[in-house]
mmCIF file of all heavy atoms, coordinates in Angstrom:
data_MODEL
# 
_entry.id   MODEL 
# 
loop_
_atom_site.group_PDB 
_atom_site.id 
_atom_site.type_symbol 
_atom_site.label_atom_id 
_atom_site.label_alt_id 
_atom_site.label_comp_id 
_atom_site.label_asym_id 
_atom_site.label_entity_id 
_atom_site.label_seq_id 
_atom_site.pdbx_PDB_ins_code 
_atom_site.Cartn_x 
_atom_site.Cartn_y 
_atom_site.Cartn_z 
_atom_site.occupancy 
_atom_site.B_iso_or_equiv 
_atom_site.pdbx_formal_charge 
_atom_site.auth_seq_id 
_atom_site.auth_comp_id 
_atom_site.auth_asym_id 
_atom_site.auth_atom_id 
_atom_site.pdbx_PDB_model_num 
ATOM 1   N N   . ALA A 1 1  ? -2.227 33.012 -13.870 1.00 0.00 ? 1  ALA A N   1 
ATOM 2   C CA  . ALA A 1 1  ? -0.831 32.612 -13.370 1.00 0.00 ? 1  ALA A CA  1 
ATOM 3   C C   . ALA A 1 1  ? 0.166  32.565 -14.477 1.00 0.00 ? 1  ALA A C   1 
ATOM 4   O O   . ALA A 1 1  ? -0.167 32.218 -15.681 1.00 0.00 ? 1  ALA A O   1 
ATOM 5   C CB  . ALA A 1 1  ? -0.894 31.235 -12.660 1.00 0.00 ? 1  ALA A CB  1 
ATOM 6   N N   . PHE A 1 2  ? 1.417  33.035 -14.237 1.00 0.00 ? 2  PHE A N   1 
ATOM 7   C CA  . PHE A 1 2  ? 2.303  33.175 -15.340 1.00 0.00 ? 2  PHE A CA  1 
ATOM 8   C C   . PHE A 1 2  ? 3.219  31.997 -15.395 1.00 0.00 ? 2  PHE A C   1 
ATOM 9   O O   . PHE A 1 2  ? 3.686  31.446 -14.453 1.00 0.00 ? 2  PHE A O   1 
ATOM 10  C CB  . PHE A 1 2  ? 3.253  34.487 -15.111 1.00 0.00 ? 2  PHE A CB  1 
ATOM 11  C CG  . PHE A 1 2  ? 4.293  34.643 -16.215 1.00 0.00 ? 2  PHE A CG  1 
ATOM 12  C CD1 . PHE A 1 2  ? 3.839  35.123 -17.486 1.00 0.00 ? 2  PHE A CD1 1 
ATOM 13  C CD2 . PHE A 1 2  ? 5.582  34.238 -16.069 1.00 0.00 ? 2  PHE A CD2 1 
ATOM 14  C CE1 . PHE A 1 2  ? 4.937  35.345 -18.506 1.00 0.00 ? 2  PHE A CE1 1 
ATOM 15  C CE2 . PHE A 1 2  ? 6.623  34.504 -16.979 1.00 0.00 ? 2  PHE A CE2 1 
ATOM 16  C CZ  . PHE A 1 2  ? 6.267  35.072 -18.329 1.00 0.00 ? 2  PHE A CZ  1 
ATOM 17  N N   . ALA A 1 3  ? 3.452  31.505 -16.684 1.00 0.00 ? 3  ALA A N   1 
ATOM 18  C CA  . ALA A 1 3  ? 4.497  30.414 -16.985 1.00 0.00 ? 3  ALA A CA  1 
ATOM 19  C C   . ALA A 1 3  ? 5.264  30.986 -18.109 1.00 0.00 ? 3  ALA A C   1 
ATOM 20  O O   . ALA A 1 3  ? 4.753  31.434 -19.156 1.00 0.00 ? 3  ALA A O   1 
ATOM 21  C CB  . ALA A 1 3  ? 3.793  29.132 -17.499 1.00 0.00 ? 3  ALA A CB  1 
ATOM 22  N N   . ALA A 1 4  ? 6.607  31.037 -17.887 1.00 0.00 ? 4  ALA A N   1 
ATOM 23  C CA  . ALA A 1 4  ? 7.485  31.480 -18.990 1.00 0.00 ? 4  ALA A CA  1 
ATOM 24  C C   . ALA A 1 4  ? 7.445  30.622 -20.261 1.00 0.00 ? 4  ALA A C   1 
ATOM 25  O O   . ALA A 1 4  ? 7.051  29.407 -20.167 1.00 0.00 ? 4  ALA A O   1 
ATOM 26  C CB  . ALA A 1 4  ? 9.006  31.552 -18.374 1.00 0.00 ? 4  ALA A CB  1 
ATOM 27  N N   . THR A 1 5  ? 7.910  31.187 -21.303 1.00 0.00 ? 5  THR A N   1 
ATOM 28  C CA  . THR A 1 5  ? 7.927  30.450 -22.589 1.00 0.00 ? 5  THR A CA  1 
ATOM 29  C C   . THR A 1 5  ? 8.483  29.069 -22.484 1.00 0.00 ? 5  THR A C   1 
ATOM 30  O O   . THR A 1 5  ? 8.009  28.145 -23.079 1.00 0.00 ? 5  THR A O   1 
ATOM 31  C CB  . THR A 1 5  ? 8.568  31.265 -23.649 1.00 0.00 ? 5  THR A CB  1 
ATOM 32  O OG1 . THR A 1 5  ? 7.998  32.523 -23.820 1.00 0.00 ? 5  THR A OG1 1 
ATOM 33  C CG2 . THR A 1 5  ? 8.584  30.624 -25.070 1.00 0.00 ? 5  THR A CG2 1 
ATOM 34  N N   . ASP A 1 6  ? 9.704  28.886 -21.874 1.00 0.00 ? 6  ASP A N   1 
ATOM 35  C CA  . ASP A 1 6  ? 10.361 27.690 -21.769 1.00 0.00 ? 6  ASP A CA  1 
ATOM 36  C C   . ASP A 1 6  ? 9.702  26.760 -20.778 1.00 0.00 ? 6  ASP A C   1 
ATOM 37  O O   . ASP A 1 6  ? 10.160 25.541 -20.607 1.00 0.00 ? 6  ASP A O   1 
ATOM 38  C CB  . ASP A 1 6  ? 11.807 27.845 -21.534 1.00 0.00 ? 6  ASP A CB  1 
ATOM 39  C CG  . ASP A 1 6  ? 12.090 28.435 -20.049 1.00 0.00 ? 6  ASP A CG  1 
ATOM 40  O OD1 . ASP A 1 6  ? 11.092 28.948 -19.438 1.00 0.00 ? 6  ASP A OD1 1 
ATOM 41  O OD2 . ASP A 1 6  ? 13.200 28.464 -19.655 1.00 0.00 ? 6  ASP A OD2 1 
ATOM 42  N N   . LYS A 1 7  ? 8.591  27.268 -20.096 1.00 0.00 ? 7  LYS A N   1 
ATOM 43  C CA  . LYS A 1 7  ? 7.916  26.251 -19.151 1.00 0.00 ? 7  LYS A CA  1 
ATOM 44  C C   . LYS A 1 7  ? 6.665  25.605 -19.748 1.00 0.00 ? 7  LYS A C   1 
ATOM 45  O O   . LYS A 1 7  ? 5.953  25.020 -19.046 1.00 0.00 ? 7  LYS A O   1 
ATOM 46  C CB  . LYS A 1 7  ? 7.478  27.108 -17.850 1.00 0.00 ? 7  LYS A CB  1 
ATOM 47  C CG  . LYS A 1 7  ? 8.751  27.553 -17.062 1.00 0.00 ? 7  LYS A CG  1 
ATOM 48  C CD  . LYS A 1 7  ? 9.652  26.423 -16.735 1.00 0.00 ? 7  LYS A CD  1 
ATOM 49  C CE  . LYS A 1 7  ? 10.853 26.846 -15.789 1.00 0.00 ? 7  LYS A CE  1 
ATOM 50  N NZ  . LYS A 1 7  ? 11.921 27.381 -16.606 1.00 0.00 ? 7  LYS A NZ  1 
ATOM 51  N N   . ARG A 1 8  ? 6.488  25.828 -21.019 1.00 0.00 ? 8  ARG A N   1 
ATOM 52  C CA  . ARG A 1 8  ? 5.549  24.988 -21.793 1.00 0.00 ? 8  ARG A CA  1 
ATOM 53  C C   . ARG A 1 8  ? 6.204  23.661 -22.126 1.00 0.00 ? 8  ARG A C   1 
ATOM 54  O O   . ARG A 1 8  ? 7.229  23.661 -22.852 1.00 0.00 ? 8  ARG A O   1 
ATOM 55  C CB  . ARG A 1 8  ? 5.084  25.698 -23.051 1.00 0.00 ? 8  ARG A CB  1 
ATOM 56  C CG  . ARG A 1 8  ? 4.125  24.794 -23.844 1.00 0.00 ? 8  ARG A CG  1 
ATOM 57  C CD  . ARG A 1 8  ? 3.587  25.510 -25.155 1.00 0.00 ? 8  ARG A CD  1 
ATOM 58  N NE  . ARG A 1 8  ? 2.801  24.609 -25.926 1.00 0.00 ? 8  ARG A NE  1 
ATOM 59  C CZ  . ARG A 1 8  ? 2.265  25.033 -27.093 1.00 0.00 ? 8  ARG A CZ  1 
ATOM 60  N NH1 . ARG A 1 8  ? 2.429  26.176 -27.550 1.00 0.00 ? 8  ARG A NH1 1 
ATOM 61  N NH2 . ARG A 1 8  ? 1.468  24.114 -27.701 1.00 0.00 ? 8  ARG A NH2 1 
ATOM 62  N N   . LEU A 1 9  ? 5.725  22.594 -21.490 1.00 0.00 ? 9  LEU A N   1 
ATOM 63  C CA  . LEU A 1 9  ? 6.317  21.303 -21.613 1.00 0.00 ? 9  LEU A CA  1 
ATOM 64  C C   . LEU A 1 9  ? 5.869  20.593 -22.835 1.00 0.00 ? 9  LEU A C   1 
ATOM 65  O O   . LEU A 1 9  ? 4.531  20.475 -23.062 1.00 0.00 ? 9  LEU A O   1 
ATOM 66  C CB  . LEU A 1 9  ? 6.024  20.495 -20.378 1.00 0.00 ? 9  LEU A CB  1 
ATOM 67  C CG  . LEU A 1 9  ? 6.302  21.271 -19.051 1.00 0.00 ? 9  LEU A CG  1 
ATOM 68  C CD1 . LEU A 1 9  ? 5.783  20.513 -17.832 1.00 0.00 ? 9  LEU A CD1 1 
ATOM 69  C CD2 . LEU A 1 9  ? 7.778  21.528 -18.941 1.00 0.00 ? 9  LEU A CD2 1 
ATOM 70  N N   . THR A 1 10 ? 6.766  20.224 -23.729 1.00 0.00 ? 10 THR A N   1 
ATOM 71  C CA  . THR A 1 10 ? 6.487  19.834 -25.114 1.00 0.00 ? 10 THR A CA  1 
ATOM 72  C C   . THR A 1 10 ? 5.673  18.564 -25.169 1.00 0.00 ? 10 THR A C   1 
ATOM 73  O O   . THR A 1 10 ? 5.023  18.403 -26.273 1.00 0.00 ? 10 THR A O   1 
ATOM 74  C CB  . THR A 1 10 ? 7.806  19.736 -25.869 1.00 0.00 ? 10 THR A CB  1 
ATOM 75  O OG1 . THR A 1 10 ? 8.566  18.695 -25.279 1.00 0.00 ? 10 THR A OG1 1 
ATOM 76  C CG2 . THR A 1 10 ? 8.545  21.030 -25.898 1.00 0.00 ? 10 THR A CG2 1 
ATOM 77  N N   . GLY A 1 11 ? 5.725  17.686 -24.250 1.00 0.00 ? 11 GLY A N   1 
ATOM 78  C CA  . GLY A 1 11 ? 4.997  16.519 -24.376 1.00 0.00 ? 11 GLY A CA  1 
ATOM 79  C C   . GLY A 1 11 ? 5.678  15.411 -25.183 1.00 0.00 ? 11 GLY A C   1 
ATOM 80  O O   . GLY A 1 11 ? 5.164  14.367 -25.625 1.00 0.00 ? 11 GLY A O   1 
ATOM 81  N N   . LYS A 1 12 ? 6.994  15.685 -25.593 1.00 0.00 ? 12 LYS A N   1 
ATOM 82  C CA  . LYS A 1 12 ? 7.729  14.729 -26.312 1.00 0.00 ? 12 LYS A CA  1 
ATOM 83  C C   . LYS A 1 12 ? 8.250  13.653 -25.436 1.00 0.00 ? 12 LYS A C   1 
ATOM 84  O O   . LYS A 1 12 ? 8.139  13.727 -24.155 1.00 0.00 ? 12 LYS A O   1 
ATOM 85  C CB  . LYS A 1 12 ? 8.925  15.360 -27.041 1.00 0.00 ? 12 LYS A CB  1 
ATOM 86  C CG  . LYS A 1 12 ? 8.564  16.434 -28.078 1.00 0.00 ? 12 LYS A CG  1 
ATOM 87  C CD  . LYS A 1 12 ? 9.780  17.052 -28.690 1.00 0.00 ? 12 LYS A CD  1 
ATOM 88  C CE  . LYS A 1 12 ? 9.391  18.134 -29.724 1.00 0.00 ? 12 LYS A CE  1 
ATOM 89  N NZ  . LYS A 1 12 ? 10.581 18.873 -30.305 1.00 0.00 ? 12 LYS A NZ  1 
ATOM 90  N N   . GLY A 1 13 ? 8.869  12.595 -25.963 1.00 0.00 ? 13 GLY A N   1 
ATOM 91  C CA  . GLY A 1 13 ? 9.428  11.461 -25.231 1.00 0.00 ? 13 GLY A CA  1 
ATOM 92  C C   . GLY A 1 13 ? 8.746  10.132 -25.521 1.00 0.00 ? 13 GLY A C   1 
ATOM 93  O O   . GLY A 1 13 ? 7.801  10.138 -26.322 1.00 0.00 ? 13 GLY A O   1 
ATOM 94  N N   . ILE A 1 14 ? 9.179  9.125  -24.846 1.00 0.00 ? 14 ILE A N   1 
ATOM 95  C CA  . ILE A 1 14 ? 8.636  7.748  -25.202 1.00 0.00 ? 14 ILE A CA  1 
ATOM 96  C C   . ILE A 1 14 ? 7.514  7.385  -24.325 1.00 0.00 ? 14 ILE A C   1 
ATOM 97  O O   . ILE A 1 14 ? 7.330  8.005  -23.247 1.00 0.00 ? 14 ILE A O   1 
ATOM 98  C CB  . ILE A 1 14 ? 9.798  6.621  -25.059 1.00 0.00 ? 14 ILE A CB  1 
ATOM 99  C CG1 . ILE A 1 14 ? 10.351 6.708  -23.634 1.00 0.00 ? 14 ILE A CG1 1 
ATOM 100 C CG2 . ILE A 1 14 ? 10.887 7.052  -26.052 1.00 0.00 ? 14 ILE A CG2 1 
ATOM 101 C CD1 . ILE A 1 14 ? 11.241 5.529  -23.410 1.00 0.00 ? 14 ILE A CD1 1 
ATOM 102 N N   . ASP A 1 15 ? 6.732  6.446  -24.672 1.00 0.00 ? 15 ASP A N   1 
ATOM 103 C CA  . ASP A 1 15 ? 5.640  5.982  -23.868 1.00 0.00 ? 15 ASP A CA  1 
ATOM 104 C C   . ASP A 1 15 ? 6.119  4.834  -22.974 1.00 0.00 ? 15 ASP A C   1 
ATOM 105 O O   . ASP A 1 15 ? 6.691  3.864  -23.368 1.00 0.00 ? 15 ASP A O   1 
ATOM 106 C CB  . ASP A 1 15 ? 4.577  5.354  -24.778 1.00 0.00 ? 15 ASP A CB  1 
ATOM 107 C CG  . ASP A 1 15 ? 3.299  4.852  -24.117 1.00 0.00 ? 15 ASP A CG  1 
ATOM 108 O OD1 . ASP A 1 15 ? 3.234  4.937  -22.890 1.00 0.00 ? 15 ASP A OD1 1 
ATOM 109 O OD2 . ASP A 1 15 ? 2.435  4.247  -24.725 1.00 0.00 ? 15 ASP A OD2 1 
ATOM 110 N N   . ASP A 1 16 ? 5.928  5.064  -21.640 1.00 0.00 ? 16 ASP A N   1 
ATOM 111 C CA  . ASP A 1 16 ? 6.485  4.108  -20.640 1.00 0.00 ? 16 ASP A CA  1 
ATOM 112 C C   . ASP A 1 16 ? 5.393  3.119  -20.123 1.00 0.00 ? 16 ASP A C   1 
ATOM 113 O O   . ASP A 1 16 ? 5.549  2.420  -19.172 1.00 0.00 ? 16 ASP A O   1 
ATOM 114 C CB  . ASP A 1 16 ? 7.138  4.782  -19.453 1.00 0.00 ? 16 ASP A CB  1 
ATOM 115 C CG  . ASP A 1 16 ? 6.151  5.559  -18.584 1.00 0.00 ? 16 ASP A CG  1 
ATOM 116 O OD1 . ASP A 1 16 ? 4.982  5.722  -18.982 1.00 0.00 ? 16 ASP A OD1 1 
ATOM 117 O OD2 . ASP A 1 16 ? 6.637  6.157  -17.585 1.00 0.00 ? 16 ASP A OD2 1 
ATOM 118 N N   . GLY A 1 17 ? 4.136  3.218  -20.813 1.00 0.00 ? 17 GLY A N   1 
ATOM 119 C CA  . GLY A 1 17 ? 3.045  2.339  -20.374 1.00 0.00 ? 17 GLY A CA  1 
ATOM 120 C C   . GLY A 1 17 ? 2.356  2.679  -19.069 1.00 0.00 ? 17 GLY A C   1 
ATOM 121 O O   . GLY A 1 17 ? 1.354  2.125  -18.763 1.00 0.00 ? 17 GLY A O   1 
ATOM 122 N N   . GLY A 1 18 ? 2.856  3.752  -18.458 1.00 0.00 ? 18 GLY A N   1 
ATOM 123 C CA  . GLY A 1 18 ? 2.237  4.149  -17.201 1.00 0.00 ? 18 GLY A CA  1 
ATOM 124 C C   . GLY A 1 18 ? 2.558  3.230  -15.957 1.00 0.00 ? 18 GLY A C   1 
ATOM 125 O O   . GLY A 1 18 ? 1.829  3.263  -15.024 1.00 0.00 ? 18 GLY A O   1 
ATOM 126 N N   . GLY A 1 19 ? 3.709  2.544  -16.097 1.00 0.00 ? 19 GLY A N   1 
ATOM 127 C CA  . GLY A 1 19 ? 4.047  1.656  -14.904 1.00 0.00 ? 19 GLY A CA  1 
ATOM 128 C C   . GLY A 1 19 ? 4.263  2.304  -13.718 1.00 0.00 ? 19 GLY A C   1 
ATOM 129 O O   . GLY A 1 19 ? 3.968  1.799  -12.473 1.00 0.00 ? 19 GLY A O   1 
ATOM 130 N N   . TRP A 1 20 ? 4.644  3.650  -13.715 1.00 0.00 ? 20 TRP A N   1 
ATOM 131 C CA  . TRP A 1 20 ? 4.859  4.368  -12.385 1.00 0.00 ? 20 TRP A CA  1 
ATOM 132 C C   . TRP A 1 20 ? 3.563  4.495  -11.609 1.00 0.00 ? 20 TRP A C   1 
ATOM 133 O O   . TRP A 1 20 ? 3.665  4.632  -10.325 1.00 0.00 ? 20 TRP A O   1 
ATOM 134 C CB  . TRP A 1 20 ? 5.297  5.838  -12.737 1.00 0.00 ? 20 TRP A CB  1 
ATOM 135 C CG  . TRP A 1 20 ? 4.436  6.654  -13.482 1.00 0.00 ? 20 TRP A CG  1 
ATOM 136 C CD1 . TRP A 1 20 ? 4.082  6.582  -14.894 1.00 0.00 ? 20 TRP A CD1 1 
ATOM 137 C CD2 . TRP A 1 20 ? 3.416  7.611  -13.009 1.00 0.00 ? 20 TRP A CD2 1 
ATOM 138 N NE1 . TRP A 1 20 ? 3.127  7.556  -15.205 1.00 0.00 ? 20 TRP A NE1 1 
ATOM 139 C CE2 . TRP A 1 20 ? 2.737  8.246  -14.122 1.00 0.00 ? 20 TRP A CE2 1 
ATOM 140 C CE3 . TRP A 1 20 ? 3.166  8.104  -11.747 1.00 0.00 ? 20 TRP A CE3 1 
ATOM 141 C CZ2 . TRP A 1 20 ? 1.740  9.133  -13.966 1.00 0.00 ? 20 TRP A CZ2 1 
ATOM 142 C CZ3 . TRP A 1 20 ? 2.232  9.114  -11.520 1.00 0.00 ? 20 TRP A CZ3 1 
ATOM 143 C CH2 . TRP A 1 20 ? 1.460  9.663  -12.578 1.00 0.00 ? 20 TRP A CH2 1 
ATOM 144 N N   . MET A 1 21 ? 2.470  4.363  -12.273 1.00 0.00 ? 21 MET A N   1 
ATOM 145 C CA  . MET A 1 21 ? 1.191  4.424  -11.542 1.00 0.00 ? 21 MET A CA  1 
ATOM 146 C C   . MET A 1 21 ? 0.836  3.216  -10.592 1.00 0.00 ? 21 MET A C   1 
ATOM 147 O O   . MET A 1 21 ? -0.206 3.233  -9.883  1.00 0.00 ? 21 MET A O   1 
ATOM 148 C CB  . MET A 1 21 ? 0.008  4.741  -12.533 1.00 0.00 ? 21 MET A CB  1 
ATOM 149 C CG  . MET A 1 21 ? 0.109  6.015  -13.131 1.00 0.00 ? 21 MET A CG  1 
ATOM 150 S SD  . MET A 1 21 ? -1.301 6.377  -14.295 1.00 0.00 ? 21 MET A SD  1 
ATOM 151 C CE  . MET A 1 21 ? -2.537 6.769  -13.158 1.00 0.00 ? 21 MET A CE  1 
ATOM 152 N N   . LEU A 1 22 ? 1.626  2.216  -10.588 1.00 0.00 ? 22 LEU A N   1 
ATOM 153 C CA  . LEU A 1 22 ? 1.526  1.190  -9.709  1.00 0.00 ? 22 LEU A CA  1 
ATOM 154 C C   . LEU A 1 22 ? 1.772  1.541  -8.279  1.00 0.00 ? 22 LEU A C   1 
ATOM 155 O O   . LEU A 1 22 ? 1.489  0.792  -7.337  1.00 0.00 ? 22 LEU A O   1 
ATOM 156 C CB  . LEU A 1 22 ? 2.471  -0.033 -10.084 1.00 0.00 ? 22 LEU A CB  1 
ATOM 157 C CG  . LEU A 1 22 ? 2.242  -0.858 -11.281 1.00 0.00 ? 22 LEU A CG  1 
ATOM 158 C CD1 . LEU A 1 22 ? 3.243  -1.958 -11.335 1.00 0.00 ? 22 LEU A CD1 1 
ATOM 159 C CD2 . LEU A 1 22 ? 0.769  -1.421 -11.229 1.00 0.00 ? 22 LEU A CD2 1 
ATOM 160 N N   . HIS A 1 23 ? 2.226  2.849  -8.022  1.00 0.00 ? 23 HIS A N   1 
ATOM 161 C CA  . HIS A 1 23 ? 2.294  3.259  -6.665  1.00 0.00 ? 23 HIS A CA  1 
ATOM 162 C C   . HIS A 1 23 ? 0.963  3.439  -6.093  1.00 0.00 ? 23 HIS A C   1 
ATOM 163 O O   . HIS A 1 23 ? 0.777  3.357  -4.771  1.00 0.00 ? 23 HIS A O   1 
ATOM 164 C CB  . HIS A 1 23 ? 2.986  4.648  -6.672  1.00 0.00 ? 23 HIS A CB  1 
ATOM 165 C CG  . HIS A 1 23 ? 2.138  5.788  -6.948  1.00 0.00 ? 23 HIS A CG  1 
ATOM 166 N ND1 . HIS A 1 23 ? 1.300  6.549  -5.953  1.00 0.00 ? 23 HIS A ND1 1 
ATOM 167 C CD2 . HIS A 1 23 ? 1.833  6.493  -8.107  1.00 0.00 ? 23 HIS A CD2 1 
ATOM 168 C CE1 . HIS A 1 23 ? 0.624  7.587  -6.627  1.00 0.00 ? 23 HIS A CE1 1 
ATOM 169 N NE2 . HIS A 1 23 ? 0.978  7.503  -7.890  1.00 0.00 ? 23 HIS A NE2 1 
ATOM 170 N N   . ILE A 1 24 ? -0.140 3.532  -6.907  1.00 0.00 ? 24 ILE A N   1 
ATOM 171 C CA  . ILE A 1 24 ? -1.482 3.706  -6.379  1.00 0.00 ? 24 ILE A CA  1 
ATOM 172 C C   . ILE A 1 24 ? -1.871 2.380  -5.863  1.00 0.00 ? 24 ILE A C   1 
ATOM 173 O O   . ILE A 1 24 ? -2.338 2.311  -4.676  1.00 0.00 ? 24 ILE A O   1 
ATOM 174 C CB  . ILE A 1 24 ? -2.508 4.169  -7.546  1.00 0.00 ? 24 ILE A CB  1 
ATOM 175 C CG1 . ILE A 1 24 ? -2.079 5.541  -7.875  1.00 0.00 ? 24 ILE A CG1 1 
ATOM 176 C CG2 . ILE A 1 24 ? -3.877 4.068  -6.996  1.00 0.00 ? 24 ILE A CG2 1 
ATOM 177 C CD1 . ILE A 1 24 ? -2.821 6.010  -9.210  1.00 0.00 ? 24 ILE A CD1 1 
ATOM 178 N N   . PRO A 1 25 ? -2.002 1.296  -6.497  1.00 0.00 ? 25 PRO A N   1 
ATOM 179 C CA  . PRO A 1 25 ? -2.383 0.006  -5.928  1.00 0.00 ? 25 PRO A CA  1 
ATOM 180 C C   . PRO A 1 25 ? -1.478 -0.517 -4.741  1.00 0.00 ? 25 PRO A C   1 
ATOM 181 O O   . PRO A 1 25 ? -1.924 -1.069 -3.854  1.00 0.00 ? 25 PRO A O   1 
ATOM 182 C CB  . PRO A 1 25 ? -2.383 -1.080 -7.014  1.00 0.00 ? 25 PRO A CB  1 
ATOM 183 C CG  . PRO A 1 25 ? -1.538 -0.521 -8.137  1.00 0.00 ? 25 PRO A CG  1 
ATOM 184 C CD  . PRO A 1 25 ? -1.767 1.033  -7.942  1.00 0.00 ? 25 PRO A CD  1 
ATOM 185 N N   . ALA A 1 26 ? -0.193 -0.017 -4.810  1.00 0.00 ? 26 ALA A N   1 
ATOM 186 C CA  . ALA A 1 26 ? 0.742  -0.430 -3.776  1.00 0.00 ? 26 ALA A CA  1 
ATOM 187 C C   . ALA A 1 26 ? 0.263  0.180  -2.372  1.00 0.00 ? 26 ALA A C   1 
ATOM 188 O O   . ALA A 1 26 ? 0.316  -0.369 -1.410  1.00 0.00 ? 26 ALA A O   1 
ATOM 189 C CB  . ALA A 1 26 ? 2.225  -0.024 -4.122  1.00 0.00 ? 26 ALA A CB  1 
ATOM 190 N N   . CYS A 1 27 ? -0.242 1.456  -2.589  1.00 0.00 ? 27 CYS A N   1 
ATOM 191 C CA  . CYS A 1 27 ? -0.677 2.155  -1.317  1.00 0.00 ? 27 CYS A CA  1 
ATOM 192 C C   . CYS A 1 27 ? -1.940 1.400  -0.692  1.00 0.00 ? 27 CYS A C   1 
ATOM 193 O O   . CYS A 1 27 ? -1.962 1.136  0.510   1.00 0.00 ? 27 CYS A O   1 
ATOM 194 C CB  . CYS A 1 27 ? -1.118 3.535  -1.691  1.00 0.00 ? 27 CYS A CB  1 
ATOM 195 S SG  . CYS A 1 27 ? -1.983 4.436  -0.401  1.00 0.00 ? 27 CYS A SG  1 
ATOM 196 N N   . TYR A 1 28 ? -2.790 0.926  -1.631  1.00 0.00 ? 28 TYR A N   1 
ATOM 197 C CA  . TYR A 1 28 ? -3.991 0.219  -1.025  1.00 0.00 ? 28 TYR A CA  1 
ATOM 198 C C   . TYR A 1 28 ? -3.604 -1.254 -0.516  1.00 0.00 ? 28 TYR A C   1 
ATOM 199 O O   . TYR A 1 28 ? -4.305 -1.654 0.379   1.00 0.00 ? 28 TYR A O   1 
ATOM 200 C CB  . TYR A 1 28 ? -5.167 0.266  -2.089  1.00 0.00 ? 28 TYR A CB  1 
ATOM 201 C CG  . TYR A 1 28 ? -5.587 1.718  -2.379  1.00 0.00 ? 28 TYR A CG  1 
ATOM 202 C CD1 . TYR A 1 28 ? -5.140 2.360  -3.549  1.00 0.00 ? 28 TYR A CD1 1 
ATOM 203 C CD2 . TYR A 1 28 ? -6.360 2.426  -1.405  1.00 0.00 ? 28 TYR A CD2 1 
ATOM 204 C CE1 . TYR A 1 28 ? -5.551 3.680  -3.739  1.00 0.00 ? 28 TYR A CE1 1 
ATOM 205 C CE2 . TYR A 1 28 ? -6.641 3.722  -1.661  1.00 0.00 ? 28 TYR A CE2 1 
ATOM 206 C CZ  . TYR A 1 28 ? -6.259 4.446  -2.773  1.00 0.00 ? 28 TYR A CZ  1 
ATOM 207 O OH  . TYR A 1 28 ? -6.599 5.693  -3.024  1.00 0.00 ? 28 TYR A OH  1 
ATOM 208 N N   . MET A 1 29 ? -2.595 -1.735 -1.094  1.00 0.00 ? 29 MET A N   1 
ATOM 209 C CA  . MET A 1 29 ? -2.284 -2.987 -0.571  1.00 0.00 ? 29 MET A CA  1 
ATOM 210 C C   . MET A 1 29 ? -1.689 -2.855 0.733   1.00 0.00 ? 29 MET A C   1 
ATOM 211 O O   . MET A 1 29 ? -1.882 -3.669 1.642   1.00 0.00 ? 29 MET A O   1 
ATOM 212 C CB  . MET A 1 29 ? -1.242 -3.684 -1.501  1.00 0.00 ? 29 MET A CB  1 
ATOM 213 C CG  . MET A 1 29 ? -0.741 -5.132 -1.142  1.00 0.00 ? 29 MET A CG  1 
ATOM 214 S SD  . MET A 1 29 ? -2.001 -6.245 -0.737  1.00 0.00 ? 29 MET A SD  1 
ATOM 215 C CE  . MET A 1 29 ? -3.011 -6.244 -2.227  1.00 0.00 ? 29 MET A CE  1 
ATOM 216 N N   . GLY A 1 30 ? -0.926 -1.784 0.931   1.00 0.00 ? 30 GLY A N   1 
ATOM 217 C CA  . GLY A 1 30 ? -0.370 -1.542 2.296   1.00 0.00 ? 30 GLY A CA  1 
ATOM 218 C C   . GLY A 1 30 ? -1.469 -1.361 3.371   1.00 0.00 ? 30 GLY A C   1 
ATOM 219 O O   . GLY A 1 30 ? -1.305 -1.824 4.556   1.00 0.00 ? 30 GLY A O   1 
ATOM 220 N N   . ILE A 1 31 ? -2.505 -0.757 3.016   1.00 0.00 ? 31 ILE A N   1 
ATOM 221 C CA  . ILE A 1 31 ? -3.705 -0.460 3.978   1.00 0.00 ? 31 ILE A CA  1 
ATOM 222 C C   . ILE A 1 31 ? -4.317 -1.871 4.265   1.00 0.00 ? 31 ILE A C   1 
ATOM 223 O O   . ILE A 1 31 ? -4.601 -2.129 5.353   1.00 0.00 ? 31 ILE A O   1 
ATOM 224 C CB  . ILE A 1 31 ? -4.732 0.479  3.276   1.00 0.00 ? 31 ILE A CB  1 
ATOM 225 C CG1 . ILE A 1 31 ? -4.103 1.916  3.209   1.00 0.00 ? 31 ILE A CG1 1 
ATOM 226 C CG2 . ILE A 1 31 ? -6.010 0.590  4.223   1.00 0.00 ? 31 ILE A CG2 1 
ATOM 227 C CD1 . ILE A 1 31 ? -4.996 2.823  2.330   1.00 0.00 ? 31 ILE A CD1 1 
# 
């Protein structure tokens, strides 16, 4: 599968601690 040169994602940026992953336990709490 082809990915253009500018579609290599650099991995730069700040560390957000992974807070966005709280969507996972939120799902199981809803169940």
